[in-house]
Amino acid sequence: MQSVKEILENGPAVSPYTGSTTTYDMVAEQIKKRWGDKEVKNYDPYSNARTFAQWVRLGYRVKKGERSLKSITFISKKDAKGNIIKRYPRKINLFYYRSMEPVNN
């Protein structure tokens, strides 16, 4: 199992973050409230804010008492030709690396 530092430096998989500045700002604001301005500089949505399932696959669990960061993404419904016919929001719970700990085997 890799350490959090190794995952942050060369994470085995990139998160599904698509580059939305709104999402970035939303999560960064929550990080700022919990851990301060200094920690926002460490925030990388591609590597250190992941879903619960992604962290579990990497061998981590949520620290006791920690809560998720709230985010949103948009899902596109397409017709048979691939044209987008509807977009709707979907809530996502992310966990920042400071909320995680390795699973003890």
PDB file of N, CA and C in Angstrom:
ATOM      1  N   MET A   1       0.849  -1.168   0.000  1.00  0.00           N
ATOM      2  CA  MET A   1       0.000   0.000   0.000  1.00  0.00           C
ATOM      3  C   MET A   1       0.897   1.234   0.000  1.00  0.00           C
ATOM      4  N   GLN A   2       0.518   2.218  -0.811  1.00  0.00           N
ATOM      5  CA  GLN A   2       1.269   3.461  -0.892  1.00  0.00           C
ATOM      6  C   GLN A   2       0.882   4.393   0.247  1.00  0.00           C
ATOM      7  N   SER A   3       1.817   5.254   0.608  1.00  0.00           N
ATOM      8  CA  SER A   3       1.509   6.268   1.606  1.00  0.00           C
ATOM      9  C   SER A   3       0.715   7.383   0.939  1.00  0.00           C
ATOM     10  N   VAL A   4       0.074   8.214   1.743  1.00  0.00           N
ATOM     11  CA  VAL A   4      -0.673   9.343   1.188  1.00  0.00           C
ATOM     12  C   VAL A   4       0.276  10.237   0.400  1.00  0.00           C
ATOM     13  N   LYS A   5       1.494  10.430   0.921  1.00  0.00           N
ATOM     14  CA  LYS A   5       2.483  11.267   0.225  1.00  0.00           C
ATOM     15  C   LYS A   5       2.787  10.712  -1.165  1.00  0.00           C
ATOM     16  N   GLU A   6       2.971   9.395  -1.278  1.00  0.00           N
ATOM     17  CA  GLU A   6       3.244   8.770  -2.580  1.00  0.00           C
ATOM     18  C   GLU A   6       2.059   8.922  -3.526  1.00  0.00           C
ATOM     19  N   ILE A   7       0.859   8.771  -3.005  1.00  0.00           N
ATOM     20  CA  ILE A   7      -0.335   8.918  -3.840  1.00  0.00           C
ATOM     21  C   ILE A   7      -0.433  10.339  -4.361  1.00  0.00           C
ATOM     22  N   LEU A   8      -0.151  11.309  -3.493  1.00  0.00           N
ATOM     23  CA  LEU A   8      -0.230  12.704  -3.905  1.00  0.00           C
ATOM     24  C   LEU A   8       0.837  13.038  -4.941  1.00  0.00           C
ATOM     25  N   GLU A   9       2.008  12.440  -4.812  1.00  0.00           N
ATOM     26  CA  GLU A   9       3.091  12.721  -5.751  1.00  0.00           C
ATOM     27  C   GLU A   9       2.941  11.974  -7.067  1.00  0.00           C
ATOM     28  N   ASN A  10       2.602  10.698  -7.023  1.00  0.00           N
ATOM     29  CA  ASN A  10       2.455   9.904  -8.251  1.00  0.00           C
ATOM     30  C   ASN A  10       1.236   9.026  -8.199  1.00  0.00           C
ATOM     31  N   GLY A  11       0.129   9.568  -7.799  1.00  0.00           N
ATOM     32  CA  GLY A  11      -1.092   8.780  -7.647  1.00  0.00           C
ATOM     33  C   GLY A  11      -1.307   7.766  -8.750  1.00  0.00           C
ATOM     34  N   PRO A  12      -1.710   6.551  -8.383  1.00  0.00           N
ATOM     35  CA  PRO A  12      -1.890   5.489  -9.367  1.00  0.00           C
ATOM     36  C   PRO A  12      -3.025   5.755 -10.340  1.00  0.00           C
ATOM     37  N   ALA A  13      -3.961   6.573  -9.917  1.00  0.00           N
ATOM     38  CA  ALA A  13      -5.084   6.881 -10.795  1.00  0.00           C
ATOM     39  C   ALA A  13      -5.498   8.323 -10.566  1.00  0.00           C
ATOM     40  N   VAL A  14      -5.882   8.967 -11.614  1.00  0.00           N
ATOM     41  CA  VAL A  14      -6.329  10.346 -11.521  1.00  0.00           C
ATOM     42  C   VAL A  14      -7.823  10.338 -11.238  1.00  0.00           C
ATOM     43  N   SER A  15      -8.261  11.289 -10.439  1.00  0.00           N
ATOM     44  CA  SER A  15      -9.687  11.374 -10.140  1.00  0.00           C
ATOM     45  C   SER A  15     -10.454  11.768 -11.402  1.00  0.00           C
ATOM     46  N   PRO A  16     -11.752  11.588 -11.403  1.00  0.00           N
ATOM     47  CA  PRO A  16     -12.548  11.945 -12.577  1.00  0.00           C
ATOM     48  C   PRO A  16     -12.860  13.439 -12.678  1.00  0.00           C
ATOM     49  N   TYR A  17     -12.155  14.275 -11.944  1.00  0.00           N
ATOM     50  CA  TYR A  17     -12.357  15.727 -11.996  1.00  0.00           C
ATOM     51  C   TYR A  17     -12.183  16.212 -13.430  1.00  0.00           C
ATOM     52  N   THR A  18     -13.114  17.050 -13.886  1.00  0.00           N
ATOM     53  CA  THR A  18     -13.106  17.481 -15.295  1.00  0.00           C
ATOM     54  C   THR A  18     -12.622  18.905 -15.511  1.00  0.00           C
ATOM     55  N   GLY A  19     -12.158  19.561 -14.464  1.00  0.00           N
ATOM     56  CA  GLY A  19     -11.608  20.896 -14.633  1.00  0.00           C
ATOM     57  C   GLY A  19     -12.556  22.041 -14.359  1.00  0.00           C
ATOM     58  N   SER A  20     -13.686  21.777 -13.784  1.00  0.00           N
ATOM     59  CA  SER A  20     -14.660  22.822 -13.497  1.00  0.00           C
ATOM     60  C   SER A  20     -14.134  23.781 -12.426  1.00  0.00           C
ATOM     61  N   THR A  21     -14.095  25.076 -12.743  1.00  0.00           N
ATOM     62  CA  THR A  21     -13.638  26.055 -11.765  1.00  0.00           C
ATOM     63  C   THR A  21     -14.656  26.217 -10.637  1.00  0.00           C
ATOM     64  N   THR A  22     -15.917  26.033 -10.935  1.00  0.00           N
ATOM     65  CA  THR A  22     -16.953  26.125  -9.911  1.00  0.00           C
ATOM     66  C   THR A  22     -16.771  25.019  -8.880  1.00  0.00           C
ATOM     67  N   THR A  23     -16.538  23.807  -9.343  1.00  0.00           N
ATOM     68  CA  THR A  23     -16.307  22.683  -8.441  1.00  0.00           C
ATOM     69  C   THR A  23     -15.046  22.916  -7.625  1.00  0.00           C
ATOM     70  N   TYR A  24     -13.990  23.367  -8.270  1.00  0.00           N
ATOM     71  CA  TYR A  24     -12.730  23.636  -7.577  1.00  0.00           C
ATOM     72  C   TYR A  24     -12.962  24.643  -6.453  1.00  0.00           C
ATOM     73  N   ASP A  25     -13.622  25.746  -6.777  1.00  0.00           N
ATOM     74  CA  ASP A  25     -13.859  26.796  -5.785  1.00  0.00           C
ATOM     75  C   ASP A  25     -14.736  26.309  -4.630  1.00  0.00           C
ATOM     76  N   MET A  26     -15.735  25.488  -4.943  1.00  0.00           N
ATOM     77  CA  MET A  26     -16.649  24.971  -3.935  1.00  0.00           C
ATOM     78  C   MET A  26     -15.894  24.102  -2.921  1.00  0.00           C
ATOM     79  N   VAL A  27     -15.061  23.215  -3.414  1.00  0.00           N
ATOM     80  CA  VAL A  27     -14.307  22.326  -2.536  1.00  0.00           C
ATOM     81  C   VAL A  27     -13.201  23.097  -1.809  1.00  0.00           C
ATOM     82  N   ALA A  28     -12.527  24.007  -2.509  1.00  0.00           N
ATOM     83  CA  ALA A  28     -11.462  24.798  -1.886  1.00  0.00           C
ATOM     84  C   ALA A  28     -11.994  25.616  -0.707  1.00  0.00           C
ATOM     85  N   GLU A  29     -13.175  26.148  -0.841  1.00  0.00           N
ATOM     86  CA  GLU A  29     -13.776  26.922   0.245  1.00  0.00           C
ATOM     87  C   GLU A  29     -14.026  26.048   1.477  1.00  0.00           C
ATOM     88  N   GLN A  30     -14.468  24.817   1.261  1.00  0.00           N
ATOM     89  CA  GLN A  30     -14.700  23.903   2.377  1.00  0.00           C
ATOM     90  C   GLN A  30     -13.378  23.502   3.046  1.00  0.00           C
ATOM     91  N   ILE A  31     -12.336  23.302   2.237  1.00  0.00           N
ATOM     92  CA  ILE A  31     -11.010  22.986   2.773  1.00  0.00           C
ATOM     93  C   ILE A  31     -10.506  24.160   3.603  1.00  0.00           C
ATOM     94  N   LYS A  32     -10.706  25.361   3.113  1.00  0.00           N
ATOM     95  CA  LYS A  32     -10.280  26.575   3.826  1.00  0.00           C
ATOM     96  C   LYS A  32     -10.952  26.661   5.193  1.00  0.00           C
ATOM     97  N   LYS A  33     -12.245  26.358   5.254  1.00  0.00           N
ATOM     98  CA  LYS A  33     -12.983  26.427   6.517  1.00  0.00           C
ATOM     99  C   LYS A  33     -12.486  25.389   7.519  1.00  0.00           C
ATOM    100  N   ARG A  34     -12.105  24.202   7.042  1.00  0.00           N
ATOM    101  CA  ARG A  34     -11.683  23.123   7.941  1.00  0.00           C
ATOM    102  C   ARG A  34     -10.209  23.187   8.318  1.00  0.00           C
ATOM    103  N   TRP A  35      -9.347  23.478   7.347  1.00  0.00           N
ATOM    104  CA  TRP A  35      -7.908  23.376   7.582  1.00  0.00           C
ATOM    105  C   TRP A  35      -7.142  24.687   7.358  1.00  0.00           C
ATOM    106  N   GLY A  36      -7.798  25.716   6.894  1.00  0.00           N
ATOM    107  CA  GLY A  36      -7.165  27.022   6.746  1.00  0.00           C
ATOM    108  C   GLY A  36      -6.655  27.321   5.343  1.00  0.00           C
ATOM    109  N   ASP A  37      -6.266  28.592   5.153  1.00  0.00           N
ATOM    110  CA  ASP A  37      -5.786  29.072   3.848  1.00  0.00           C
ATOM    111  C   ASP A  37      -4.570  28.300   3.339  1.00  0.00           C
ATOM    112  N   LYS A  38      -3.677  27.981   4.252  1.00  0.00           N
ATOM    113  CA  LYS A  38      -2.439  27.292   3.852  1.00  0.00           C
ATOM    114  C   LYS A  38      -2.731  25.949   3.170  1.00  0.00           C
ATOM    115  N   GLU A  39      -3.731  25.247   3.663  1.00  0.00           N
ATOM    116  CA  GLU A  39      -4.048  23.931   3.096  1.00  0.00           C
ATOM    117  C   GLU A  39      -4.659  24.025   1.710  1.00  0.00           C
ATOM    118  N   VAL A  40      -5.319  25.129   1.398  1.00  0.00           N
ATOM    119  CA  VAL A  40      -5.912  25.305   0.063  1.00  0.00           C
ATOM    120  C   VAL A  40      -4.825  25.249  -1.008  1.00  0.00           C
ATOM    121  N   LYS A  41      -3.629  25.717  -0.673  1.00  0.00           N
ATOM    122  CA  LYS A  41      -2.512  25.669  -1.623  1.00  0.00           C
ATOM    123  C   LYS A  41      -2.117  24.238  -1.967  1.00  0.00           C
ATOM    124  N   ASN A  42      -2.372  23.289  -1.065  1.00  0.00           N
ATOM    125  CA  ASN A  42      -2.057  21.875  -1.301  1.00  0.00           C
ATOM    126  C   ASN A  42      -3.152  21.145  -2.083  1.00  0.00           C
ATOM    127  N   TYR A  43      -4.303  21.768  -2.208  1.00  0.00           N
ATOM    128  CA  TYR A  43      -5.448  21.119  -2.859  1.00  0.00           C
ATOM    129  C   TYR A  43      -5.186  20.894  -4.343  1.00  0.00           C
ATOM    130  N   ASP A  44      -5.278  19.644  -4.744  1.00  0.00           N
ATOM    131  CA  ASP A  44      -5.168  19.244  -6.151  1.00  0.00           C
ATOM    132  C   ASP A  44      -6.351  18.326  -6.447  1.00  0.00           C
ATOM    133  N   PRO A  45      -7.360  18.812  -7.156  1.00  0.00           N
ATOM    134  CA  PRO A  45      -8.561  18.006  -7.370  1.00  0.00           C
ATOM    135  C   PRO A  45      -8.304  16.726  -8.169  1.00  0.00           C
ATOM    136  N   TYR A  46      -7.164  16.630  -8.830  1.00  0.00           N
ATOM    137  CA  TYR A  46      -6.845  15.432  -9.601  1.00  0.00           C
ATOM    138  C   TYR A  46      -6.262  14.316  -8.743  1.00  0.00           C
ATOM    139  N   SER A  47      -5.778  14.644  -7.546  1.00  0.00           N
ATOM    140  CA  SER A  47      -5.117  13.594  -6.781  1.00  0.00           C
ATOM    141  C   SER A  47      -5.498  13.498  -5.312  1.00  0.00           C
ATOM    142  N   ASN A  48      -5.807  14.594  -4.622  1.00  0.00           N
ATOM    143  CA  ASN A  48      -5.988  14.464  -3.185  1.00  0.00           C
ATOM    144  C   ASN A  48      -7.400  14.713  -2.667  1.00  0.00           C
ATOM    145  N   ALA A  49      -8.357  14.811  -3.534  1.00  0.00           N
ATOM    146  CA  ALA A  49      -9.769  14.850  -3.154  1.00  0.00           C
ATOM    147  C   ALA A  49     -10.466  13.793  -3.998  1.00  0.00           C
ATOM    148  N   ARG A  50     -10.851  12.722  -3.354  1.00  0.00           N
ATOM    149  CA  ARG A  50     -11.419  11.567  -4.068  1.00  0.00           C
ATOM    150  C   ARG A  50     -12.702  11.102  -3.385  1.00  0.00           C
ATOM    151  N   THR A  51     -13.435  10.265  -4.097  1.00  0.00           N
ATOM    152  CA  THR A  51     -14.645   9.689  -3.507  1.00  0.00           C
ATOM    153  C   THR A  51     -14.256   8.607  -2.508  1.00  0.00           C
ATOM    154  N   PHE A  52     -15.204   8.215  -1.690  1.00  0.00           N
ATOM    155  CA  PHE A  52     -14.980   7.153  -0.715  1.00  0.00           C
ATOM    156  C   PHE A  52     -14.482   5.884  -1.395  1.00  0.00           C
ATOM    157  N   ALA A  53     -15.149   5.483  -2.472  1.00  0.00           N
ATOM    158  CA  ALA A  53     -14.781   4.246  -3.173  1.00  0.00           C
ATOM    159  C   ALA A  53     -13.359   4.312  -3.729  1.00  0.00           C
ATOM    160  N   GLN A  54     -12.951   5.465  -4.234  1.00  0.00           N
ATOM    161  CA  GLN A  54     -11.598   5.603  -4.767  1.00  0.00           C
ATOM    162  C   GLN A  54     -10.562   5.448  -3.657  1.00  0.00           C
ATOM    163  N   TRP A  55     -10.816   6.045  -2.493  1.00  0.00           N
ATOM    164  CA  TRP A  55      -9.884   5.892  -1.384  1.00  0.00           C
ATOM    165  C   TRP A  55      -9.828   4.447  -0.903  1.00  0.00           C
ATOM    166  N   VAL A  56     -10.967   3.774  -0.852  1.00  0.00           N
ATOM    167  CA  VAL A  56     -10.994   2.369  -0.414  1.00  0.00           C
ATOM    168  C   VAL A  56     -10.143   1.510  -1.347  1.00  0.00           C
ATOM    169  N   ARG A  57     -10.251   1.736  -2.653  1.00  0.00           N
ATOM    170  CA  ARG A  57      -9.429   0.980  -3.610  1.00  0.00           C
ATOM    171  C   ARG A  57      -7.938   1.215  -3.403  1.00  0.00           C
ATOM    172  N   LEU A  58      -7.593   2.371  -2.857  1.00  0.00           N
ATOM    173  CA  LEU A  58      -6.189   2.694  -2.590  1.00  0.00           C
ATOM    174  C   LEU A  58      -5.727   2.210  -1.211  1.00  0.00           C
ATOM    175  N   GLY A  59      -6.642   1.612  -0.454  1.00  0.00           N
ATOM    176  CA  GLY A  59      -6.284   1.066   0.850  1.00  0.00           C
ATOM    177  C   GLY A  59      -6.435   2.027   2.014  1.00  0.00           C
ATOM    178  N   TYR A  60      -7.341   2.979   1.888  1.00  0.00           N
ATOM    179  CA  TYR A  60      -7.552   3.971   2.940  1.00  0.00           C
ATOM    180  C   TYR A  60      -8.985   3.954   3.413  1.00  0.00           C
ATOM    181  N   ARG A  61      -9.180   4.499   4.615  1.00  0.00           N
ATOM    182  CA  ARG A  61     -10.519   4.657   5.171  1.00  0.00           C
ATOM    183  C   ARG A  61     -10.630   6.053   5.775  1.00  0.00           C
ATOM    184  N   VAL A  62     -11.854   6.454   6.036  1.00  0.00           N
ATOM    185  CA  VAL A  62     -12.114   7.771   6.611  1.00  0.00           C
ATOM    186  C   VAL A  62     -11.770   7.736   8.097  1.00  0.00           C
ATOM    187  N   LYS A  63     -11.067   8.766   8.566  1.00  0.00           N
ATOM    188  CA  LYS A  63     -10.765   8.885   9.990  1.00  0.00           C
ATOM    189  C   LYS A  63     -12.062   9.094  10.763  1.00  0.00           C
ATOM    190  N   LYS A  64     -12.092   8.570  11.961  1.00  0.00           N
ATOM    191  CA  LYS A  64     -13.276   8.689  12.798  1.00  0.00           C
ATOM    192  C   LYS A  64     -13.618  10.162  13.018  1.00  0.00           C
ATOM    193  N   GLY A  65     -14.885  10.500  12.818  1.00  0.00           N
ATOM    194  CA  GLY A  65     -15.374  11.854  13.043  1.00  0.00           C
ATOM    195  C   GLY A  65     -15.261  12.787  11.845  1.00  0.00           C
ATOM    196  N   GLU A  66     -14.582  12.371  10.793  1.00  0.00           N
ATOM    197  CA  GLU A  66     -14.431  13.226   9.608  1.00  0.00           C
ATOM    198  C   GLU A  66     -15.695  13.169   8.754  1.00  0.00           C
ATOM    199  N   ARG A  67     -15.943  14.254   8.059  1.00  0.00           N
ATOM    200  CA  ARG A  67     -17.098  14.332   7.164  1.00  0.00           C
ATOM    201  C   ARG A  67     -16.614  14.623   5.753  1.00  0.00           C
ATOM    202  N   SER A  68     -17.469  14.339   4.809  1.00  0.00           N
ATOM    203  CA  SER A  68     -17.103  14.547   3.406  1.00  0.00           C
ATOM    204  C   SER A  68     -17.214  16.011   3.020  1.00  0.00           C
ATOM    205  N   LEU A  69     -16.566  16.334   1.918  1.00  0.00           N
ATOM    206  CA  LEU A  69     -16.698  17.642   1.287  1.00  0.00           C
ATOM    207  C   LEU A  69     -17.788  17.492   0.236  1.00  0.00           C
ATOM    208  N   LYS A  70     -18.647  18.446   0.139  1.00  0.00           N
ATOM    209  CA  LYS A  70     -19.769  18.365  -0.797  1.00  0.00           C
ATOM    210  C   LYS A  70     -19.388  19.004  -2.122  1.00  0.00           C
ATOM    211  N   SER A  71     -19.738  18.332  -3.191  1.00  0.00           N
ATOM    212  CA  SER A  71     -19.475  18.842  -4.526  1.00  0.00           C
ATOM    213  C   SER A  71     -20.656  18.477  -5.415  1.00  0.00           C
ATOM    214  N   ILE A  72     -20.566  18.898  -6.651  1.00  0.00           N
ATOM    215  CA  ILE A  72     -21.641  18.635  -7.604  1.00  0.00           C
ATOM    216  C   ILE A  72     -21.019  18.407  -8.982  1.00  0.00           C
ATOM    217  N   THR A  73     -21.642  17.544  -9.734  1.00  0.00           N
ATOM    218  CA  THR A  73     -21.252  17.329 -11.116  1.00  0.00           C
ATOM    219  C   THR A  73     -22.528  17.288 -11.942  1.00  0.00           C
ATOM    220  N   PHE A  74     -22.393  17.409 -13.234  1.00  0.00           N
ATOM    221  CA  PHE A  74     -23.572  17.354 -14.095  1.00  0.00           C
ATOM    222  C   PHE A  74     -23.515  16.123 -14.981  1.00  0.00           C
ATOM    223  N   ILE A  75     -24.611  15.408 -15.012  1.00  0.00           N
ATOM    224  CA  ILE A  75     -24.745  14.202 -15.824  1.00  0.00           C
ATOM    225  C   ILE A  75     -25.502  14.582 -17.094  1.00  0.00           C
ATOM    226  N   SER A  76     -25.006  14.105 -18.219  1.00  0.00           N
ATOM    227  CA  SER A  76     -25.665  14.380 -19.502  1.00  0.00           C
ATOM    228  C   SER A  76     -26.394  13.143 -19.986  1.00  0.00           C
ATOM    229  N   LYS A  77     -27.654  13.320 -20.325  1.00  0.00           N
ATOM    230  CA  LYS A  77     -28.445  12.245 -20.919  1.00  0.00           C
ATOM    231  C   LYS A  77     -28.416  12.473 -22.421  1.00  0.00           C
ATOM    232  N   LYS A  78     -28.051  11.420 -23.172  1.00  0.00           N
ATOM    233  CA  LYS A  78     -27.914  11.552 -24.618  1.00  0.00           C
ATOM    234  C   LYS A  78     -28.921  10.671 -25.347  1.00  0.00           C
ATOM    235  N   ASP A  79     -29.277  11.098 -26.555  1.00  0.00           N
ATOM    236  CA  ASP A  79     -30.166  10.282 -27.373  1.00  0.00           C
ATOM    237  C   ASP A  79     -29.325   9.260 -28.149  1.00  0.00           C
ATOM    238  N   ALA A  80     -29.968   8.491 -28.996  1.00  0.00           N
ATOM    239  CA  ALA A  80     -29.287   7.436 -29.752  1.00  0.00           C
ATOM    240  C   ALA A  80     -28.183   7.978 -30.667  1.00  0.00           C
ATOM    241  N   LYS A  81     -28.310   9.214 -31.104  1.00  0.00           N
ATOM    242  CA  LYS A  81     -27.313   9.815 -31.989  1.00  0.00           C
ATOM    243  C   LYS A  81     -26.154  10.460 -31.227  1.00  0.00           C
ATOM    244  N   GLY A  82     -26.253  10.465 -29.901  1.00  0.00           N
ATOM    245  CA  GLY A  82     -25.198  11.053 -29.098  1.00  0.00           C
ATOM    246  C   GLY A  82     -25.391  12.514 -28.760  1.00  0.00           C
ATOM    247  N   ASN A  83     -26.535  13.072 -29.138  1.00  0.00           N
ATOM    248  CA  ASN A  83     -26.832  14.463 -28.813  1.00  0.00           C
ATOM    249  C   ASN A  83     -27.314  14.566 -27.364  1.00  0.00           C
ATOM    250  N   ILE A  84     -26.847  15.572 -26.672  1.00  0.00           N
ATOM    251  CA  ILE A  84     -27.273  15.778 -25.293  1.00  0.00           C
ATOM    252  C   ILE A  84     -28.701  16.316 -25.295  1.00  0.00           C
ATOM    253  N   ILE A  85     -29.580  15.584 -24.609  1.00  0.00           N
ATOM    254  CA  ILE A  85     -30.972  16.014 -24.564  1.00  0.00           C
ATOM    255  C   ILE A  85     -31.351  16.587 -23.194  1.00  0.00           C
ATOM    256  N   LYS A  86     -30.546  16.258 -22.164  1.00  0.00           N
ATOM    257  CA  LYS A  86     -30.845  16.753 -20.837  1.00  0.00           C
ATOM    258  C   LYS A  86     -29.585  16.687 -19.980  1.00  0.00           C
ATOM    259  N   ARG A  87     -29.414  17.694 -19.114  1.00  0.00           N
ATOM    260  CA  ARG A  87     -28.324  17.690 -18.137  1.00  0.00           C
ATOM    261  C   ARG A  87     -28.941  17.898 -16.767  1.00  0.00           C
ATOM    262  N   TYR A  88     -28.462  17.142 -15.811  1.00  0.00           N
ATOM    263  CA  TYR A  88     -28.986  17.304 -14.460  1.00  0.00           C
ATOM    264  C   TYR A  88     -27.845  17.181 -13.445  1.00  0.00           C
ATOM    265  N   PRO A  89     -27.985  17.886 -12.319  1.00  0.00           N
ATOM    266  CA  PRO A  89     -26.927  17.868 -11.308  1.00  0.00           C
ATOM    267  C   PRO A  89     -26.950  16.589 -10.488  1.00  0.00           C
ATOM    268  N   ARG A  90     -25.763  16.208 -10.028  1.00  0.00           N
ATOM    269  CA  ARG A  90     -25.627  15.040  -9.160  1.00  0.00           C
ATOM    270  C   ARG A  90     -24.678  15.430  -8.025  1.00  0.00           C
ATOM    271  N   LYS A  91     -25.111  15.214  -6.804  1.00  0.00           N
ATOM    272  CA  LYS A  91     -24.281  15.528  -5.643  1.00  0.00           C
ATOM    273  C   LYS A  91     -23.201  14.462  -5.492  1.00  0.00           C
ATOM    274  N   ILE A  92     -22.008  14.922  -5.092  1.00  0.00           N
ATOM    275  CA  ILE A  92     -20.883  14.019  -4.891  1.00  0.00           C
ATOM    276  C   ILE A  92     -20.252  14.330  -3.543  1.00  0.00           C
ATOM    277  N   ASN A  93     -19.885  13.297  -2.814  1.00  0.00           N
ATOM    278  CA  ASN A  93     -19.172  13.446  -1.547  1.00  0.00           C
ATOM    279  C   ASN A  93     -17.716  13.087  -1.772  1.00  0.00           C
ATOM    280  N   LEU A  94     -16.843  14.039  -1.501  1.00  0.00           N
ATOM    281  CA  LEU A  94     -15.409  13.836  -1.666  1.00  0.00           C
ATOM    282  C   LEU A  94     -14.730  13.847  -0.300  1.00  0.00           C
ATOM    283  N   PHE A  95     -13.619  13.154  -0.223  1.00  0.00           N
ATOM    284  CA  PHE A  95     -12.827  13.154   0.994  1.00  0.00           C
ATOM    285  C   PHE A  95     -11.436  13.652   0.651  1.00  0.00           C
ATOM    286  N   TYR A  96     -10.985  14.623   1.423  1.00  0.00           N
ATOM    287  CA  TYR A  96      -9.662  15.201   1.251  1.00  0.00           C
ATOM    288  C   TYR A  96      -8.648  14.293   1.945  1.00  0.00           C
ATOM    289  N   TYR A  97      -7.432  14.266   1.462  1.00  0.00           N
ATOM    290  CA  TYR A  97      -6.439  13.321   1.986  1.00  0.00           C
ATOM    291  C   TYR A  97      -6.208  13.466   3.496  1.00  0.00           C
ATOM    292  N   ARG A  98      -6.445  14.635   4.054  1.00  0.00           N
ATOM    293  CA  ARG A  98      -6.249  14.830   5.489  1.00  0.00           C
ATOM    294  C   ARG A  98      -7.347  14.136   6.302  1.00  0.00           C
ATOM    295  N   SER A  99      -8.413  13.704   5.655  1.00  0.00           N
ATOM    296  CA  SER A  99      -9.505  13.002   6.337  1.00  0.00           C
ATOM    297  C   SER A  99      -9.318  11.491   6.285  1.00  0.00           C
ATOM    298  N   MET A 100      -8.238  11.033   5.681  1.00  0.00           N
ATOM    299  CA  MET A 100      -8.065   9.607   5.446  1.00  0.00           C
ATOM    300  C   MET A 100      -6.904   9.033   6.260  1.00  0.00           C
ATOM    301  N   GLU A 101      -6.975   7.714   6.489  1.00  0.00           N
ATOM    302  CA  GLU A 101      -5.895   6.982   7.142  1.00  0.00           C
ATOM    303  C   GLU A 101      -5.794   5.608   6.512  1.00  0.00           C
ATOM    304  N   PRO A 102      -4.580   5.009   6.550  1.00  0.00           N
ATOM    305  CA  PRO A 102      -4.428   3.667   5.975  1.00  0.00           C
ATOM    306  C   PRO A 102      -5.260   2.645   6.741  1.00  0.00           C
ATOM    307  N   VAL A 103      -5.746   1.663   6.034  1.00  0.00           N
ATOM    308  CA  VAL A 103      -6.482   0.577   6.678  1.00  0.00           C
ATOM    309  C   VAL A 103      -5.460  -0.344   7.319  1.00  0.00           C
ATOM    310  N   ASN A 104      -5.652  -0.681   8.584  1.00  0.00           N
ATOM    311  CA  ASN A 104      -4.750  -1.612   9.267  1.00  0.00           C
ATOM    312  C   ASN A 104      -5.096  -3.022   8.874  1.00  0.00           C
ATOM    313  N   ASN A 105      -4.130  -3.748   8.409  1.00  0.00           N
ATOM    314  CA  ASN A 105      -4.372  -5.148   7.985  1.00  0.00           C
ATOM    315  C   ASN A 105      -4.150  -6.102   9.126  1.00  0.00           C
TER     316      ASN A 105
END
